[in-house]
Protein backbone atom coordinates (compact mmCIF):
# COMPACT_ATOMS: atom_id res chain seq x y z
CA UNK A 1 79.21 105.15 113.97
CA UNK A 2 77.63 105.33 110.38
CA UNK A 3 79.87 104.93 107.42
CA UNK A 4 81.15 108.24 106.07
CA UNK A 5 81.14 108.34 102.10
CA UNK A 6 80.96 111.78 100.58
CA UNK A 7 78.77 112.20 97.59
CA UNK A 8 81.75 113.57 95.77
CA UNK A 9 83.17 109.96 95.63
CA UNK A 10 81.62 107.72 92.98
CA UNK A 11 82.25 104.53 91.08
CA UNK A 12 83.03 104.38 87.42
CA UNK A 13 84.17 101.84 85.06
CA UNK A 14 88.01 101.74 84.40
CA UNK A 15 89.16 100.16 81.04
CA UNK A 16 90.72 96.81 81.71
CA UNK A 17 90.44 97.27 85.60
CA UNK A 18 86.57 96.73 86.03
CA UNK A 19 85.05 99.40 88.53
CA UNK A 20 87.08 102.17 90.10
CA UNK A 21 86.51 104.91 92.74
CA UNK A 22 86.87 108.68 91.75
CA UNK A 23 86.46 112.18 93.20
CA UNK A 24 84.49 114.80 91.82
CA UNK A 25 86.14 117.52 93.98
CA UNK A 26 89.92 117.93 94.81
CA UNK A 27 91.12 116.36 98.11
CA UNK A 28 93.72 117.88 100.24
CA UNK A 29 96.57 115.82 101.64
CA UNK A 30 96.30 113.82 104.75
CA UNK A 31 92.31 114.16 104.65
CA UNK A 32 89.66 111.43 105.16
CA UNK A 33 88.34 110.36 101.90
CA UNK A 34 85.82 107.79 103.33
CA UNK A 35 85.34 105.50 106.29
CA UNK A 36 83.51 101.99 106.47
CA UNK A 37 82.65 101.42 109.96
CA UNK A 38 80.75 98.08 109.15
CA UNK A 39 82.71 96.25 106.50
CA UNK A 40 80.63 93.11 105.09
CA UNK A 41 83.28 90.66 106.74
CA UNK A 42 85.84 91.40 109.49
CA UNK A 43 87.57 88.55 111.15
CA UNK A 44 90.58 87.95 113.31
CA UNK A 45 93.48 85.70 112.54
CA UNK A 46 94.25 84.25 116.05
CA UNK A 47 91.32 84.12 118.32
CA UNK A 48 87.44 84.51 118.30
CA UNK A 49 85.90 87.85 118.21
CA UNK A 50 85.50 89.67 121.78
CA UNK A 51 82.01 89.85 123.44
CA UNK A 52 81.31 93.17 121.96
CA UNK A 53 81.87 91.89 118.55
CA UNK A 54 79.75 88.92 119.29
CA UNK A 55 76.84 91.15 120.42
CA UNK A 56 77.30 93.23 117.26
CA UNK A 57 77.38 90.31 115.04
CA UNK A 58 74.56 87.92 116.52
CA UNK A 59 71.87 88.81 114.40
CA UNK A 60 73.93 88.25 111.23
CA UNK A 61 75.66 84.95 111.69
CA UNK A 62 77.36 84.90 114.88
CA UNK A 63 75.27 82.37 116.64
CA UNK A 64 75.60 79.93 113.83
CA UNK A 65 79.31 80.61 113.70
CA UNK A 66 79.78 79.92 117.21
CA UNK A 67 77.93 76.49 116.73
CA UNK A 68 80.48 75.76 113.82
CA UNK A 69 83.57 76.86 115.77
CA UNK A 70 82.39 74.87 118.79
CA UNK A 71 82.38 71.62 116.93
CA UNK A 72 86.04 72.32 115.99
CA UNK A 73 87.55 73.44 119.40
CA UNK A 74 90.09 73.76 120.25
CA UNK A 75 91.28 74.08 116.75
CA UNK A 76 90.93 77.83 115.48
CA UNK A 77 89.68 78.53 112.21
CA UNK A 78 92.23 80.74 110.14
CA UNK A 79 90.70 83.93 108.86
CA UNK A 80 90.00 83.49 105.34
CA UNK A 81 87.94 80.21 105.58
CA UNK A 82 86.09 81.77 108.48
CA UNK A 83 85.31 84.99 106.33
CA UNK A 84 84.01 82.65 103.49
CA UNK A 85 82.02 80.48 106.33
CA UNK A 86 80.44 83.90 107.60
CA UNK A 87 79.41 84.99 104.32
CA UNK A 88 77.99 81.50 103.60
CA UNK A 89 76.03 81.73 106.80
CA UNK A 90 74.72 85.30 106.35
CA UNK A 91 73.61 84.44 102.81
CA UNK A 92 71.49 81.38 104.16
CA UNK A 93 70.05 83.70 106.94
CA UNK A 94 69.39 86.46 104.42
CA UNK A 95 71.41 89.31 106.34
CA UNK A 96 73.60 90.45 103.37
CA UNK A 97 72.15 93.75 102.23
CA UNK A 98 71.24 93.70 98.51
CA UNK A 99 73.52 96.45 97.82
CA UNK A 100 76.46 94.50 99.14
CA UNK A 101 75.32 91.37 97.50
CA UNK A 102 75.22 93.10 94.28
CA UNK A 103 78.57 94.52 94.60
CA UNK A 104 80.01 91.19 95.73
CA UNK A 105 79.05 89.75 92.63
CA UNK A 106 80.70 92.52 90.47
CA UNK A 107 84.01 91.89 92.24
CA UNK A 108 86.74 89.89 90.16
CA UNK A 109 87.28 86.19 91.48
CA UNK A 110 89.93 85.11 88.89
CA UNK A 111 88.98 81.57 89.57
CA UNK A 112 90.12 80.38 86.06
CA UNK A 113 93.31 81.96 86.86
CA UNK A 114 93.39 80.12 90.36
CA UNK A 115 92.97 76.97 88.31
CA UNK A 116 95.40 77.70 85.62
CA UNK A 117 98.84 76.09 87.13
CA UNK A 118 101.84 73.83 86.04
CA UNK A 119 102.27 70.86 88.27
CA UNK A 120 106.05 71.70 88.22
CA UNK A 121 105.39 75.22 89.58
CA UNK A 122 105.15 74.49 93.53
CA UNK A 123 103.81 77.81 94.56
CA UNK A 124 100.98 77.91 92.10
CA UNK A 125 100.21 74.26 92.85
CA UNK A 126 100.28 75.02 96.57
CA UNK A 127 98.17 77.94 95.83
CA UNK A 128 95.43 76.01 94.30
CA UNK A 129 95.45 73.27 96.71
CA UNK A 130 95.05 75.85 99.60
CA UNK A 131 92.25 77.40 97.64
CA UNK A 132 90.59 74.18 97.56
CA UNK A 133 91.13 73.20 101.12
CA UNK A 134 89.70 76.81 102.30
CA UNK A 135 86.52 76.09 100.27
CA UNK A 136 85.99 72.62 101.43
CA UNK A 137 86.76 73.80 105.07
CA UNK A 138 84.34 76.69 104.75
CA UNK A 139 81.65 74.61 103.34
CA UNK A 140 82.10 71.84 105.71
CA UNK A 141 82.23 74.11 108.96
CA UNK A 142 79.09 76.31 107.81
CA UNK A 143 76.96 73.20 107.14
CA UNK A 144 75.25 74.99 104.16
CA UNK A 145 73.71 73.46 101.13
CA UNK A 146 76.02 74.58 98.36
CA UNK A 147 78.04 73.09 95.63
CA UNK A 148 81.80 73.28 95.83
CA UNK A 149 82.07 75.39 92.63
CA UNK A 150 80.17 78.09 94.03
CA UNK A 151 82.07 78.16 97.29
CA UNK A 152 85.34 78.20 95.20
CA UNK A 153 84.05 81.32 93.43
CA UNK A 154 83.44 83.14 96.68
CA UNK A 155 86.56 81.93 98.08
CA UNK A 156 88.50 83.47 95.23
CA UNK A 157 86.54 86.62 95.49
CA UNK A 158 87.52 87.01 99.14
CA UNK A 159 91.27 86.25 98.46
CA UNK A 160 91.57 88.79 95.62
CA UNK A 161 89.55 91.53 97.22
CA UNK A 162 90.09 91.35 100.95
CA UNK A 163 92.25 93.53 103.04
CA UNK A 164 94.52 92.83 106.01
CA UNK A 165 93.15 94.20 109.31
CA UNK A 166 95.90 95.76 111.37
CA UNK A 167 96.10 97.36 114.75
CA UNK A 168 97.76 100.95 115.40
CA UNK A 169 101.24 99.59 114.84
CA UNK A 170 100.09 98.12 111.45
CA UNK A 171 100.58 94.61 112.83
CA UNK A 172 98.27 92.27 110.68
CA UNK A 173 95.59 90.84 112.67
CA UNK A 174 92.97 89.39 110.27
CA UNK A 175 90.96 89.74 107.08
CA UNK A 176 88.46 92.26 106.12
CA UNK A 177 86.09 92.59 103.21
CA UNK A 178 84.44 95.95 102.29
CA UNK A 179 82.72 95.53 99.01
CA UNK A 180 82.88 99.22 98.71
CA UNK A 181 86.45 99.65 99.41
CA UNK A 182 87.20 96.79 97.28
CA UNK A 183 86.35 98.95 94.25
CA UNK A 184 89.80 100.82 95.00
CA UNK A 185 92.33 99.90 92.23
CA UNK A 186 95.99 99.38 92.60
CA UNK A 187 98.91 101.83 91.82
CA UNK A 188 102.58 101.51 92.76
CA UNK A 189 102.38 105.11 93.55
CA UNK A 190 98.96 105.41 95.20
CA UNK A 191 97.33 108.53 96.30
CA UNK A 192 95.48 106.99 99.27
CA UNK A 193 96.29 104.49 101.92
CA UNK A 194 93.81 102.45 104.21
CA UNK A 195 94.18 102.12 108.00
CA UNK A 196 92.05 100.27 110.64
CA UNK A 197 90.81 101.46 114.03
CA UNK A 198 89.27 98.18 115.36
CA UNK A 199 86.80 97.32 112.55
CA UNK A 200 86.50 100.75 111.26
CA UNK A 201 88.39 100.95 107.71
CA UNK A 202 89.57 104.46 106.74
CA UNK A 203 90.85 105.47 103.47
CA UNK A 204 93.06 108.65 103.73
CA UNK A 205 94.57 110.89 101.12
CA UNK A 206 98.56 110.72 100.68
CA UNK A 207 98.77 113.83 98.67
CA UNK A 208 96.71 116.29 96.67
CA UNK A 209 94.04 114.46 94.45
CA UNK A 210 92.57 116.66 91.65
CA UNK A 211 88.94 116.52 91.01
CA UNK A 212 88.25 113.87 88.37
CA UNK A 213 91.14 111.57 89.49
CA UNK A 214 90.80 107.82 90.32
CA UNK A 215 91.52 106.86 94.03
CA UNK A 216 94.24 104.27 94.33
CA UNK A 217 95.78 102.22 97.03
CA UNK A 218 98.72 99.77 96.82
CA UNK A 219 98.12 96.13 97.04
CA UNK A 220 101.80 95.12 97.82
CA UNK A 221 104.81 96.71 99.34
CA UNK A 222 105.69 99.75 97.05
CA UNK A 223 109.41 99.77 98.23
CA UNK A 224 110.16 96.78 96.17
CA UNK A 225 111.94 97.14 92.70
CA UNK A 226 109.68 97.32 89.71
CA UNK A 227 110.42 93.78 88.71
CA UNK A 228 109.58 92.47 92.27
CA UNK A 229 106.26 94.77 92.25
CA UNK A 230 105.33 93.31 88.75
CA UNK A 231 106.11 89.62 89.82
CA UNK A 232 104.05 89.86 93.00
CA UNK A 233 100.99 91.61 91.55
CA UNK A 234 101.03 88.87 88.54
CA UNK A 235 101.24 86.10 91.19
CA UNK A 236 98.69 87.32 93.56
CA UNK A 237 96.17 89.53 91.65
CA UNK A 238 96.80 88.21 87.86
CA UNK A 239 97.46 91.57 86.44
CA UNK A 240 100.35 93.38 84.88
CA UNK A 241 100.60 96.95 86.29
CA UNK A 242 100.66 99.96 84.06
CA UNK A 243 100.61 102.71 86.89
CA UNK A 244 103.02 105.75 86.20
CA UNK A 245 105.82 103.94 88.02
CA UNK A 246 105.64 100.82 86.07
CA UNK A 247 105.15 102.23 82.88
CA UNK A 248 108.70 103.38 83.06
CA UNK A 249 110.14 100.56 85.22
CA UNK A 250 110.76 102.93 88.02
CA UNK A 251 111.58 101.39 91.62
CA UNK A 252 111.11 103.22 94.72
CA UNK A 253 113.65 106.14 95.02
CA UNK A 254 115.47 105.20 91.76
CA UNK A 255 115.38 108.83 90.50
CA UNK A 256 117.63 109.83 93.37
CA UNK A 257 120.50 107.70 91.77
CA UNK A 258 122.49 109.73 89.24
CA UNK A 259 122.39 108.33 85.91
CA UNK A 260 126.27 107.67 85.45
CA UNK A 261 125.98 105.57 88.68
CA UNK A 262 123.12 103.50 87.18
CA UNK A 263 125.09 102.88 84.15
CA UNK A 264 127.73 101.16 86.09
CA UNK A 265 125.56 97.86 86.17
CA UNK A 266 123.78 96.36 83.20
CA UNK A 267 120.07 95.48 83.74
CA UNK A 268 120.73 91.71 83.96
CA UNK A 269 123.45 92.49 86.57
CA UNK A 270 121.03 94.43 88.67
CA UNK A 271 118.41 91.77 88.23
CA UNK A 272 120.79 89.15 89.31
CA UNK A 273 122.11 91.12 92.34
CA UNK A 274 118.49 91.85 93.54
CA UNK A 275 117.58 88.10 93.16
CA UNK A 276 120.59 86.84 95.13
CA UNK A 277 119.81 89.22 98.00
CA UNK A 278 115.73 88.69 98.09
CA UNK A 279 116.65 84.83 98.28
CA UNK A 280 119.44 85.49 100.86
CA UNK A 281 117.03 87.41 102.98
CA UNK A 282 114.20 84.93 102.57
CA UNK A 283 116.35 82.05 103.55
CA UNK A 284 117.57 83.92 106.64
CA UNK A 285 114.00 84.69 107.67
CA UNK A 286 113.12 80.93 107.60
CA UNK A 287 116.14 79.92 109.64
CA UNK A 288 116.22 79.35 113.41
CA UNK A 289 116.19 82.69 115.21
CA UNK A 290 119.66 82.29 116.44
CA UNK A 291 121.25 81.97 112.83
CA UNK A 292 119.23 84.71 111.32
CA UNK A 293 121.50 87.57 112.28
CA UNK A 294 124.70 86.12 110.60
CA UNK A 295 122.65 84.90 107.49
CA UNK A 296 121.06 88.53 107.18
CA UNK A 297 124.62 90.12 107.52
CA UNK A 298 125.72 87.72 104.73
CA UNK A 299 122.87 88.86 102.63
CA UNK A 300 123.83 92.52 103.22
CA UNK A 301 127.42 91.97 102.33
CA UNK A 302 126.31 91.22 98.85
CA UNK A 303 125.66 94.78 98.24
CA UNK A 304 128.80 96.29 99.83
CA UNK A 305 130.76 96.50 96.48
CA UNK A 306 127.91 98.43 94.88
CA UNK A 307 126.93 100.64 97.65
CA UNK A 308 126.96 103.68 95.11
CA UNK A 309 124.35 101.99 92.99
CA UNK A 310 122.70 100.33 95.87
CA UNK A 311 122.02 102.92 98.84
CA UNK A 312 120.83 101.42 101.91
CA UNK A 313 117.13 102.69 100.82
CA UNK A 314 116.98 100.73 97.82
CA UNK A 315 115.27 97.32 97.75
CA UNK A 316 116.24 94.63 98.88
CA UNK A 317 119.01 96.34 101.13
CA UNK A 318 116.11 98.14 102.82
CA UNK A 319 114.54 94.81 103.48
CA UNK A 320 117.40 93.14 104.89
CA UNK A 321 117.83 96.15 107.28
CA UNK A 322 114.42 95.81 108.20
CA UNK A 323 114.80 92.11 109.09
CA UNK A 324 117.85 92.75 111.00
CA UNK A 325 116.16 95.10 113.30
CA UNK A 326 113.17 92.79 113.80
CA UNK A 327 115.57 89.86 114.57
CA UNK A 328 117.64 92.12 117.08
CA UNK A 329 114.25 92.94 118.85
CA UNK A 330 113.43 89.32 119.00
CA UNK A 331 116.69 88.38 120.53
CA UNK A 332 116.64 91.24 122.91
CA UNK A 333 119.63 92.69 121.44
CA UNK A 334 118.53 96.27 121.98
CA UNK A 335 121.81 98.15 120.93
CA UNK A 336 121.70 96.43 117.60
CA UNK A 337 118.02 96.90 117.10
CA UNK A 338 118.77 100.57 118.02
CA UNK A 339 121.43 100.80 115.21
CA UNK A 340 119.24 99.24 112.70
CA UNK A 341 116.22 101.29 113.50
CA UNK A 342 118.40 104.53 113.42
CA UNK A 343 119.65 103.63 110.14
CA UNK A 344 115.94 103.23 108.70
CA UNK A 345 114.86 106.56 110.44
CA UNK A 346 117.81 108.56 109.06
CA UNK A 347 118.49 107.09 105.62
CA UNK A 348 115.60 104.76 104.24
CA UNK A 349 112.28 105.98 105.34
CA UNK A 350 112.67 109.52 104.19
CA UNK A 351 113.15 108.29 100.71
CA UNK A 352 110.60 105.45 100.82
CA UNK A 353 108.00 107.57 102.21
CA UNK A 354 108.42 111.22 101.21
CA UNK A 355 105.64 112.74 103.20
CA UNK A 356 106.72 113.25 106.91
CA UNK A 357 103.22 112.10 108.08
CA UNK A 358 103.01 108.85 106.13
CA UNK A 359 101.30 106.21 108.46
CA UNK A 360 103.93 103.87 107.83
CA UNK A 361 106.94 106.22 108.22
CA UNK A 362 105.15 107.34 111.54
CA UNK A 363 104.85 103.88 112.82
CA UNK A 364 108.51 103.06 112.39
CA UNK A 365 109.37 106.07 114.12
CA UNK A 366 107.23 104.97 117.05
CA UNK A 367 109.16 101.59 116.84
CA UNK A 368 112.43 103.51 117.06
CA UNK A 369 111.03 105.39 120.05
CA UNK A 370 110.10 102.33 121.91
CA UNK A 371 113.39 100.81 121.13
CA UNK A 372 115.29 103.74 122.70
CA UNK A 373 112.98 103.50 125.83
CA UNK A 374 113.80 99.94 126.29
CA UNK A 375 117.37 100.66 125.76
CA UNK A 376 117.39 103.28 128.52
CA UNK A 377 115.63 100.81 130.77
CA UNK A 378 118.65 98.44 130.00
CA UNK A 379 121.04 101.16 130.65
CA UNK A 380 119.72 101.86 134.20
CA UNK A 381 118.23 98.42 135.21
CA UNK A 382 119.37 95.73 132.70
CA UNK A 383 122.12 93.03 133.76
CA UNK A 384 124.34 94.46 131.24
CA UNK A 385 123.95 97.94 132.12
CA UNK A 386 127.80 98.79 131.67
CA UNK A 387 127.56 97.77 127.98
CA UNK A 388 124.60 100.13 127.40
CA UNK A 389 126.27 102.88 129.18
CA UNK A 390 129.38 102.81 127.26
CA UNK A 391 127.32 102.78 123.92
CA UNK A 392 124.67 105.34 124.67
CA UNK A 393 126.97 107.97 126.33
CA UNK A 394 129.85 107.58 123.94
CA UNK A 395 128.77 110.51 121.81
CA UNK A 396 127.19 112.70 124.23
CA UNK A 397 123.71 112.32 122.98
CA UNK A 398 120.96 114.14 124.81
CA UNK A 399 118.41 111.24 124.96
CA UNK A 400 115.63 113.27 126.62
CA UNK A 401 115.94 115.77 123.81
CA UNK A 402 115.78 112.91 121.14
CA UNK A 403 112.62 111.33 122.77
CA UNK A 404 111.03 114.72 122.88
CA UNK A 405 112.00 115.42 119.05
CA UNK A 406 110.65 112.06 117.90
CA UNK A 407 107.67 112.10 119.99
CA UNK A 408 106.86 115.83 118.46
CA UNK A 409 107.12 114.25 114.91
CA UNK A 410 104.72 111.62 115.63
CA UNK A 411 102.24 114.12 117.29
CA UNK A 412 102.47 116.07 114.25
CA UNK A 413 101.99 113.32 112.00
CA UNK A 414 98.98 111.82 113.61
CA UNK A 415 96.19 114.35 112.35
CA UNK A 416 97.10 113.79 108.73
CA UNK A 417 98.42 110.34 108.83
CA UNK A 418 95.94 108.48 111.02
CA UNK A 419 93.38 111.08 112.23
CA UNK A 420 93.05 112.23 116.05
CA UNK A 421 90.56 109.64 116.82
CA UNK A 422 92.26 106.61 115.47
CA UNK A 423 93.31 103.71 117.45
CA UNK A 424 97.23 104.65 116.86
CA UNK A 425 96.57 108.11 118.29
CA UNK A 426 94.91 106.45 121.28
CA UNK A 427 97.98 104.22 121.65
CA UNK A 428 100.52 106.86 121.50
CA UNK A 429 98.69 109.03 123.91
CA UNK A 430 99.01 106.19 126.41
CA UNK A 431 102.68 105.74 125.65
CA UNK A 432 103.58 109.39 126.36
CA UNK A 433 101.53 109.06 129.73
CA UNK A 434 104.06 106.52 130.87
CA UNK A 435 107.21 108.23 129.45
CA UNK A 436 108.80 111.32 131.19
CA UNK A 437 108.16 114.44 128.91
CA UNK A 438 110.88 116.95 127.71
CA UNK A 439 110.29 120.37 126.27
CA UNK A 440 109.80 120.72 122.47
CA UNK A 441 113.75 120.97 121.24
CA UNK A 442 114.63 123.77 118.89
CA UNK A 443 115.55 123.04 115.01
CA UNK A 444 119.32 123.78 115.74
CA UNK A 445 119.26 121.50 118.59
CA UNK A 446 117.81 118.55 117.07
CA UNK A 447 119.96 118.86 114.14
CA UNK A 448 123.06 118.56 116.29
CA UNK A 449 121.46 115.48 117.95
CA UNK A 450 120.86 114.02 114.54
CA UNK A 451 124.50 114.10 113.92
CA UNK A 452 125.32 112.25 116.97
CA UNK A 453 122.61 109.57 116.18
CA UNK A 454 124.32 109.17 112.67
CA UNK A 455 127.34 108.39 114.34
CA UNK A 456 125.83 106.13 116.88
CA UNK A 457 124.27 104.05 114.10
CA UNK A 458 127.54 103.48 112.46
CA UNK A 459 129.19 102.63 115.51
CA UNK A 460 126.45 99.98 116.65
CA UNK A 461 125.92 98.25 113.32
CA UNK A 462 128.32 99.74 110.57
């Protein structure tokens, strides 16, 4: 399919940011802003491209890529050096369109910033070392006649401007560089979001965008505190954010906390608690799987004396809950996974993602639905069915109604959040075909079940 870029979308200089994309006409919420079906570079993380992609790429660089990769088999090339290698090969073969070449050269590389590091700073030292290794690997694998300095410049352009390819469930799959979409600047309160369906990159509106406004996406996790956001942007993209949220040091959902409660902790106390919680969560995530749950619960306990100032949806408590859910899934502890997923659905995601059809919120609801189905399987056929029976029946929850209500929410979210032709829409359709259907519940009946789900979440995980 051809790219869809309306004439109403235009590029213009943004003071201190370089190029940006704007709209000359208002855009309604949940609409397709533009779509790029053939990004300049699109490579997977884990394995070589499938046969269809091979046929598509053969005339550009794929033939030479296969030779280069074949020399390294069975070692697989990570996506970033592979992307750089592909660009080097396409440049040599003359298959990069002139317009894309010119746009590529206008993108920021921040090569000088990559070079600036204190040897005592382990992270920055490693980042420069990794950048050098990526550049050398791409140069060696491609076999092109280029000097290392020019390859370093290309590598840093890819690292700064690329996007993460994801599947319908937003799991990371690889690296994509669209020199058109790379003109989108960052905001911690963005008006757009990008999603993938295979190689196709779609940018969709998250709210009403007035005519003349700049189109923005988020480069980072916007649920982090303002301090963490600024730290992440400076470390990875080399700029200080001055978006509406950062200009007043606003964190996600912070305006929902009454001022008298905020005053109970000083800024230094807040910063120290957040840092302790973030560090504890990071250490737990790196520990052996069987130790992660206990370590994450210890991290969560740091916030218990401050629950009025640190509700469950406030970072990093929300991050810890998410890690606990993932760990429970990895350990096949489906009741615990259900408890943490219910807490996220009921208390975290409505605050962090205000629009009901937000793609991230919708995907998380889908995860909850899958957990419920798995718990139901364990209830009927699992070796510990008696444990699931006691837990799932204790509040008289009408599970067919719950499944129907969640499925209805996802169905309602797809047109605005993803588009009806997206890979997520196809995946969810397949899921529904394999799950018994229940009539759409009424609002009052669903509210009664939500009360039961809140009790169940508290019973399962506190």
